[in-house]
PDB file of N, CA and C in Angstrom:
ATOM      1  N   MET A   1      42.848  28.109  37.812  1.00  0.00           N
ATOM      2  CA  MET A   1      42.656  26.830  38.489  1.00  0.00           C
ATOM      3  C   MET A   1      44.010  26.263  38.919  1.00  0.00           C
ATOM      4  N   PRO A   2      44.051  25.643  40.094  1.00  0.00           N
ATOM      5  CA  PRO A   2      45.310  25.005  40.505  1.00  0.00           C
ATOM      6  C   PRO A   2      45.594  23.754  39.679  1.00  0.00           C
ATOM      7  N   LYS A   3      46.864  23.417  39.606  1.00  0.00           N
ATOM      8  CA  LYS A   3      47.258  22.231  38.845  1.00  0.00           C
ATOM      9  C   LYS A   3      46.967  20.968  39.643  1.00  0.00           C
ATOM     10  N   MET A   4      46.703  19.875  38.922  1.00  0.00           N
ATOM     11  CA  MET A   4      46.524  18.570  39.572  1.00  0.00           C
ATOM     12  C   MET A   4      47.894  17.997  39.893  1.00  0.00           C
ATOM     13  N   LYS A   5      47.983  17.284  40.997  1.00  0.00           N
ATOM     14  CA  LYS A   5      49.263  16.699  41.383  1.00  0.00           C
ATOM     15  C   LYS A   5      49.367  15.252  40.917  1.00  0.00           C
ATOM     16  N   THR A   6      50.579  14.864  40.519  1.00  0.00           N
ATOM     17  CA  THR A   6      50.882  13.483  40.165  1.00  0.00           C
ATOM     18  C   THR A   6      51.277  12.736  41.435  1.00  0.00           C
ATOM     19  N   LYS A   7      50.734  11.527  41.618  1.00  0.00           N
ATOM     20  CA  LYS A   7      51.117  10.718  42.781  1.00  0.00           C
ATOM     21  C   LYS A   7      52.571  10.291  42.634  1.00  0.00           C
ATOM     22  N   SER A   8      53.375  10.578  43.644  1.00  0.00           N
ATOM     23  CA  SER A   8      54.803  10.263  43.581  1.00  0.00           C
ATOM     24  C   SER A   8      55.046   8.761  43.473  1.00  0.00           C
ATOM     25  N   ALA A   9      54.245   7.963  44.173  1.00  0.00           N
ATOM     26  CA  ALA A   9      54.422   6.507  44.124  1.00  0.00           C
ATOM     27  C   ALA A   9      54.136   5.980  42.724  1.00  0.00           C
ATOM     28  N   ALA A  10      53.147   6.561  42.050  1.00  0.00           N
ATOM     29  CA  ALA A  10      52.779   6.087  40.717  1.00  0.00           C
ATOM     30  C   ALA A  10      53.855   6.411  39.688  1.00  0.00           C
ATOM     31  N   LYS A  11      54.443   7.587  39.770  1.00  0.00           N
ATOM     32  CA  LYS A  11      55.445   7.939  38.765  1.00  0.00           C
ATOM     33  C   LYS A  11      56.724   7.132  38.909  1.00  0.00           C
ATOM     34  N   LYS A  12      56.961   6.563  40.110  1.00  0.00           N
ATOM     35  CA  LYS A  12      58.116   5.708  40.305  1.00  0.00           C
ATOM     36  C   LYS A  12      57.876   4.286  39.795  1.00  0.00           C
ATOM     37  N   ARG A  13      56.621   3.861  39.739  1.00  0.00           N
ATOM     38  CA  ARG A  13      56.312   2.464  39.431  1.00  0.00           C
ATOM     39  C   ARG A  13      55.789   2.212  38.022  1.00  0.00           C
ATOM     40  N   PHE A  14      55.222   3.224  37.383  1.00  0.00           N
ATOM     41  CA  PHE A  14      54.572   3.034  36.093  1.00  0.00           C
ATOM     42  C   PHE A  14      55.146   3.984  35.055  1.00  0.00           C
ATOM     43  N   SER A  15      55.097   3.549  33.793  1.00  0.00           N
ATOM     44  CA  SER A  15      55.445   4.424  32.675  1.00  0.00           C
ATOM     45  C   SER A  15      54.496   4.130  31.529  1.00  0.00           C
ATOM     46  N   PHE A  16      54.467   5.018  30.547  1.00  0.00           N
ATOM     47  CA  PHE A  16      53.523   4.892  29.446  1.00  0.00           C
ATOM     48  C   PHE A  16      54.234   4.535  28.149  1.00  0.00           C
ATOM     49  N   THR A  17      53.550   3.752  27.315  1.00  0.00           N
ATOM     50  CA  THR A  17      54.063   3.467  25.982  1.00  0.00           C
ATOM     51  C   THR A  17      53.684   4.617  25.062  1.00  0.00           C
ATOM     52  N   ALA A  18      54.165   4.581  23.839  1.00  0.00           N
ATOM     53  CA  ALA A  18      53.860   5.647  22.885  1.00  0.00           C
ATOM     54  C   ALA A  18      52.377   5.663  22.514  1.00  0.00           C
ATOM     55  N   THR A  19      51.710   4.523  22.617  1.00  0.00           N
ATOM     56  CA  THR A  19      50.290   4.468  22.272  1.00  0.00           C
ATOM     57  C   THR A  19      49.382   4.745  23.471  1.00  0.00           C
ATOM     58  N   GLY A  20      49.978   5.020  24.648  1.00  0.00           N
ATOM     59  CA  GLY A  20      49.181   5.381  25.813  1.00  0.00           C
ATOM     60  C   GLY A  20      48.862   4.245  26.765  1.00  0.00           C
ATOM     61  N   LYS A  21      49.426   3.070  26.521  1.00  0.00           N
ATOM     62  CA  LYS A  21      49.216   1.964  27.448  1.00  0.00           C
ATOM     63  C   LYS A  21      50.168   2.122  28.640  1.00  0.00           C
ATOM     64  N   VAL A  22      49.834   1.467  29.752  1.00  0.00           N
ATOM     65  CA  VAL A  22      50.617   1.613  30.974  1.00  0.00           C
ATOM     66  C   VAL A  22      51.526   0.398  31.167  1.00  0.00           C
ATOM     67  N   LYS A  23      52.824   0.657  31.363  1.00  0.00           N
ATOM     68  CA  LYS A  23      53.792  -0.408  31.604  1.00  0.00           C
ATOM     69  C   LYS A  23      54.104  -0.479  33.092  1.00  0.00           C
ATOM     70  N   ALA A  24      54.308  -1.699  33.587  1.00  0.00           N
ATOM     71  CA  ALA A  24      54.664  -1.894  34.986  1.00  0.00           C
ATOM     72  C   ALA A  24      55.519  -3.142  35.115  1.00  0.00           C
ATOM     73  N   GLY A  25      56.259  -3.214  36.198  1.00  0.00           N
ATOM     74  CA  GLY A  25      57.031  -4.411  36.491  1.00  0.00           C
ATOM     75  C   GLY A  25      56.160  -5.416  37.215  1.00  0.00           C
ATOM     76  N   PRO A  26      56.219  -6.693  36.865  1.00  0.00           N
ATOM     77  CA  PRO A  26      55.389  -7.701  37.529  1.00  0.00           C
ATOM     78  C   PRO A  26      55.761  -7.853  39.002  1.00  0.00           C
ATOM     79  N   ALA A  27      54.790  -8.210  39.810  1.00  0.00           N
ATOM     80  CA  ALA A  27      55.014  -8.383  41.244  1.00  0.00           C
ATOM     81  C   ALA A  27      55.586  -9.771  41.526  1.00  0.00           C
ATOM     82  N   GLY A  28      56.204  -9.919  42.691  1.00  0.00           N
ATOM     83  CA  GLY A  28      56.603 -11.244  43.147  1.00  0.00           C
ATOM     84  C   GLY A  28      58.060 -11.609  42.974  1.00  0.00           C
ATOM     85  N   LYS A  29      58.944 -10.624  42.752  1.00  0.00           N
ATOM     86  CA  LYS A  29      60.364 -10.973  42.594  1.00  0.00           C
ATOM     87  C   LYS A  29      61.268 -10.239  43.568  1.00  0.00           C
ATOM     88  N   ARG A  30      60.756  -9.823  44.704  1.00  0.00           N
ATOM     89  CA  ARG A  30      61.581  -9.104  45.677  1.00  0.00           C
ATOM     90  C   ARG A  30      62.345 -10.065  46.582  1.00  0.00           C
ATOM     91  N   HIS A  31      61.684 -11.092  47.021  1.00  0.00           N
ATOM     92  CA  HIS A  31      62.336 -12.052  47.921  1.00  0.00           C
ATOM     93  C   HIS A  31      61.603 -13.376  47.829  1.00  0.00           C
ATOM     94  N   GLY A  32      62.188 -14.427  48.449  1.00  0.00           N
ATOM     95  CA  GLY A  32      61.548 -15.741  48.444  1.00  0.00           C
ATOM     96  C   GLY A  32      61.646 -16.477  47.125  1.00  0.00           C
ATOM     97  N   MET A  33      62.759 -16.309  46.415  1.00  0.00           N
ATOM     98  CA  MET A  33      62.904 -16.958  45.108  1.00  0.00           C
ATOM     99  C   MET A  33      63.097 -18.465  45.227  1.00  0.00           C
ATOM    100  N   ILE A  34      63.563 -18.933  46.372  1.00  0.00           N
ATOM    101  CA  ILE A  34      63.816 -20.365  46.564  1.00  0.00           C
ATOM    102  C   ILE A  34      62.522 -21.166  46.399  1.00  0.00           C
ATOM    103  N   LYS A  35      61.453 -20.670  46.984  1.00  0.00           N
ATOM    104  CA  LYS A  35      60.188 -21.416  46.951  1.00  0.00           C
ATOM    105  C   LYS A  35      59.434 -21.273  45.626  1.00  0.00           C
ATOM    106  N   ARG A  36      59.818 -20.331  44.792  1.00  0.00           N
ATOM    107  CA  ARG A  36      59.120 -20.107  43.525  1.00  0.00           C
ATOM    108  C   ARG A  36      59.684 -21.042  42.445  1.00  0.00           C
ATOM    109  N   SER A  37      58.835 -21.377  41.489  1.00  0.00           N
ATOM    110  CA  SER A  37      59.294 -22.255  40.418  1.00  0.00           C
ATOM    111  C   SER A  37      60.157 -21.474  39.436  1.00  0.00           C
ATOM    112  N   THR A  38      60.994 -22.187  38.718  1.00  0.00           N
ATOM    113  CA  THR A  38      61.857 -21.555  37.724  1.00  0.00           C
ATOM    114  C   THR A  38      61.036 -20.899  36.634  1.00  0.00           C
ATOM    115  N   LYS A  39      59.929 -21.518  36.269  1.00  0.00           N
ATOM    116  CA  LYS A  39      59.049 -20.962  35.239  1.00  0.00           C
ATOM    117  C   LYS A  39      58.455 -19.634  35.696  1.00  0.00           C
ATOM    118  N   PHE A  40      58.053 -19.545  36.962  1.00  0.00           N
ATOM    119  CA  PHE A  40      57.492 -18.302  37.489  1.00  0.00           C
ATOM    120  C   PHE A  40      58.518 -17.180  37.438  1.00  0.00           C
ATOM    121  N   ILE A  41      59.737 -17.473  37.885  1.00  0.00           N
ATOM    122  CA  ILE A  41      60.799 -16.472  37.898  1.00  0.00           C
ATOM    123  C   ILE A  41      61.083 -15.987  36.484  1.00  0.00           C
ATOM    124  N   ARG A  42      61.090 -16.904  35.534  1.00  0.00           N
ATOM    125  CA  ARG A  42      61.330 -16.557  34.134  1.00  0.00           C
ATOM    126  C   ARG A  42      60.201 -15.700  33.570  1.00  0.00           C
ATOM    127  N   ASP A  43      58.956 -16.005  33.946  1.00  0.00           N
ATOM    128  CA  ASP A  43      57.802 -15.300  33.393  1.00  0.00           C
ATOM    129  C   ASP A  43      57.656 -13.871  33.917  1.00  0.00           C
ATOM    130  N   VAL A  44      58.161 -13.603  35.113  1.00  0.00           N
ATOM    131  CA  VAL A  44      57.974 -12.264  35.678  1.00  0.00           C
ATOM    132  C   VAL A  44      59.174 -11.348  35.475  1.00  0.00           C
ATOM    133  N   THR A  45      60.060 -11.671  34.546  1.00  0.00           N
ATOM    134  CA  THR A  45      61.156 -10.755  34.223  1.00  0.00           C
ATOM    135  C   THR A  45      60.644  -9.670  33.281  1.00  0.00           C
ATOM    136  N   GLY A  46      61.360  -8.566  33.238  1.00  0.00           N
ATOM    137  CA  GLY A  46      61.009  -7.490  32.323  1.00  0.00           C
ATOM    138  C   GLY A  46      59.790  -6.703  32.784  1.00  0.00           C
ATOM    139  N   THR A  47      59.061  -6.154  31.828  1.00  0.00           N
ATOM    140  CA  THR A  47      57.873  -5.361  32.136  1.00  0.00           C
ATOM    141  C   THR A  47      56.652  -5.968  31.479  1.00  0.00           C
ATOM    142  N   MET A  48      55.471  -5.526  31.921  1.00  0.00           N
ATOM    143  CA  MET A  48      54.220  -5.992  31.338  1.00  0.00           C
ATOM    144  C   MET A  48      53.308  -4.798  31.130  1.00  0.00           C
ATOM    145  N   VAL A  49      52.335  -4.961  30.266  1.00  0.00           N
ATOM    146  CA  VAL A  49      51.340  -3.922  30.017  1.00  0.00           C
ATOM    147  C   VAL A  49      50.113  -4.231  30.862  1.00  0.00           C
ATOM    148  N   LEU A  50      49.624  -3.240  31.589  1.00  0.00           N
ATOM    149  CA  LEU A  50      48.479  -3.443  32.465  1.00  0.00           C
ATOM    150  C   LEU A  50      47.193  -3.593  31.663  1.00  0.00           C
ATOM    151  N   CYS A  51      46.221  -4.297  32.240  1.00  0.00           N
ATOM    152  CA  CYS A  51      44.913  -4.422  31.603  1.00  0.00           C
ATOM    153  C   CYS A  51      44.187  -3.081  31.679  1.00  0.00           C
ATOM    154  N   ASP A  52      43.118  -2.929  30.907  1.00  0.00           N
ATOM    155  CA  ASP A  52      42.433  -1.649  30.778  1.00  0.00           C
ATOM    156  C   ASP A  52      41.869  -1.132  32.098  1.00  0.00           C
ATOM    157  N   SER A  53      41.323  -2.032  32.915  1.00  0.00           N
ATOM    158  CA  SER A  53      40.726  -1.585  34.176  1.00  0.00           C
ATOM    159  C   SER A  53      41.779  -1.051  35.143  1.00  0.00           C
ATOM    160  N   ASP A  54      42.953  -1.687  35.183  1.00  0.00           N
ATOM    161  CA  ASP A  54      44.028  -1.204  36.047  1.00  0.00           C
ATOM    162  C   ASP A  54      44.657   0.073  35.482  1.00  0.00           C
ATOM    163  N   ALA A  55      44.774   0.134  34.160  1.00  0.00           N
ATOM    164  CA  ALA A  55      45.367   1.306  33.519  1.00  0.00           C
ATOM    165  C   ALA A  55      44.522   2.550  33.775  1.00  0.00           C
ATOM    166  N   LYS A  56      43.227   2.381  33.826  1.00  0.00           N
ATOM    167  CA  LYS A  56      42.316   3.502  34.081  1.00  0.00           C
ATOM    168  C   LYS A  56      42.596   4.125  35.449  1.00  0.00           C
ATOM    169  N   ILE A  57      42.875   3.286  36.454  1.00  0.00           N
ATOM    170  CA  ILE A  57      43.177   3.765  37.807  1.00  0.00           C
ATOM    171  C   ILE A  57      44.510   4.509  37.816  1.00  0.00           C
ATOM    172  N   VAL A  58      45.514   3.942  37.146  1.00  0.00           N
ATOM    173  CA  VAL A  58      46.847   4.550  37.131  1.00  0.00           C
ATOM    174  C   VAL A  58      46.810   5.901  36.417  1.00  0.00           C
ATOM    175  N   LYS A  59      46.019   6.021  35.366  1.00  0.00           N
ATOM    176  CA  LYS A  59      45.941   7.273  34.612  1.00  0.00           C
ATOM    177  C   LYS A  59      45.334   8.398  35.437  1.00  0.00           C
ATOM    178  N   LYS A  60      44.498   8.052  36.411  1.00  0.00           N
ATOM    179  CA  LYS A  60      43.976   9.081  37.321  1.00  0.00           C
ATOM    180  C   LYS A  60      45.078   9.627  38.216  1.00  0.00           C
ATOM    181  N   TYR A  61      46.023   8.769  38.587  1.00  0.00           N
ATOM    182  CA  TYR A  61      47.120   9.196  39.446  1.00  0.00           C
ATOM    183  C   TYR A  61      48.135  10.049  38.704  1.00  0.00           C
ATOM    184  N   MET A  62      48.208   9.896  37.374  1.00  0.00           N
ATOM    185  CA  MET A  62      49.218  10.602  36.572  1.00  0.00           C
ATOM    186  C   MET A  62      48.511  11.411  35.490  1.00  0.00           C
ATOM    187  N   PRO A  63      47.952  12.568  35.821  1.00  0.00           N
ATOM    188  CA  PRO A  63      47.136  13.305  34.853  1.00  0.00           C
ATOM    189  C   PRO A  63      47.903  13.894  33.676  1.00  0.00           C
ATOM    190  N   TYR A  64      49.200  14.145  33.809  1.00  0.00           N
ATOM    191  CA  TYR A  64      49.939  14.809  32.745  1.00  0.00           C
ATOM    192  C   TYR A  64      50.848  13.897  31.937  1.00  0.00           C
ATOM    193  N   ASP A  65      50.993  12.637  32.307  1.00  0.00           N
ATOM    194  CA  ASP A  65      51.922  11.728  31.620  1.00  0.00           C
ATOM    195  C   ASP A  65      51.180  10.828  30.647  1.00  0.00           C
ATOM    196  N   ARG A  66      50.710  11.392  29.543  1.00  0.00           N
ATOM    197  CA  ARG A  66      49.964  10.550  28.601  1.00  0.00           C
ATOM    198  C   ARG A  66      50.587  10.599  27.245  1.00  0.00           C
TER     199      ARG A  66
END
């Protein structure tokens, strides 16, 4: 059987924790920081763990990274 391919866009944007959860960077910090509140900018720093429904989609894109 041929191997399944990993989506290149997904492997650049997501990573997995040791327990199998999916980590991602929050959206909304590329540009337009002037109009955003200080609290919003502070809250979207670092990484976040995706919810189960979103993680299920990402895991289909990355069949070997579990």
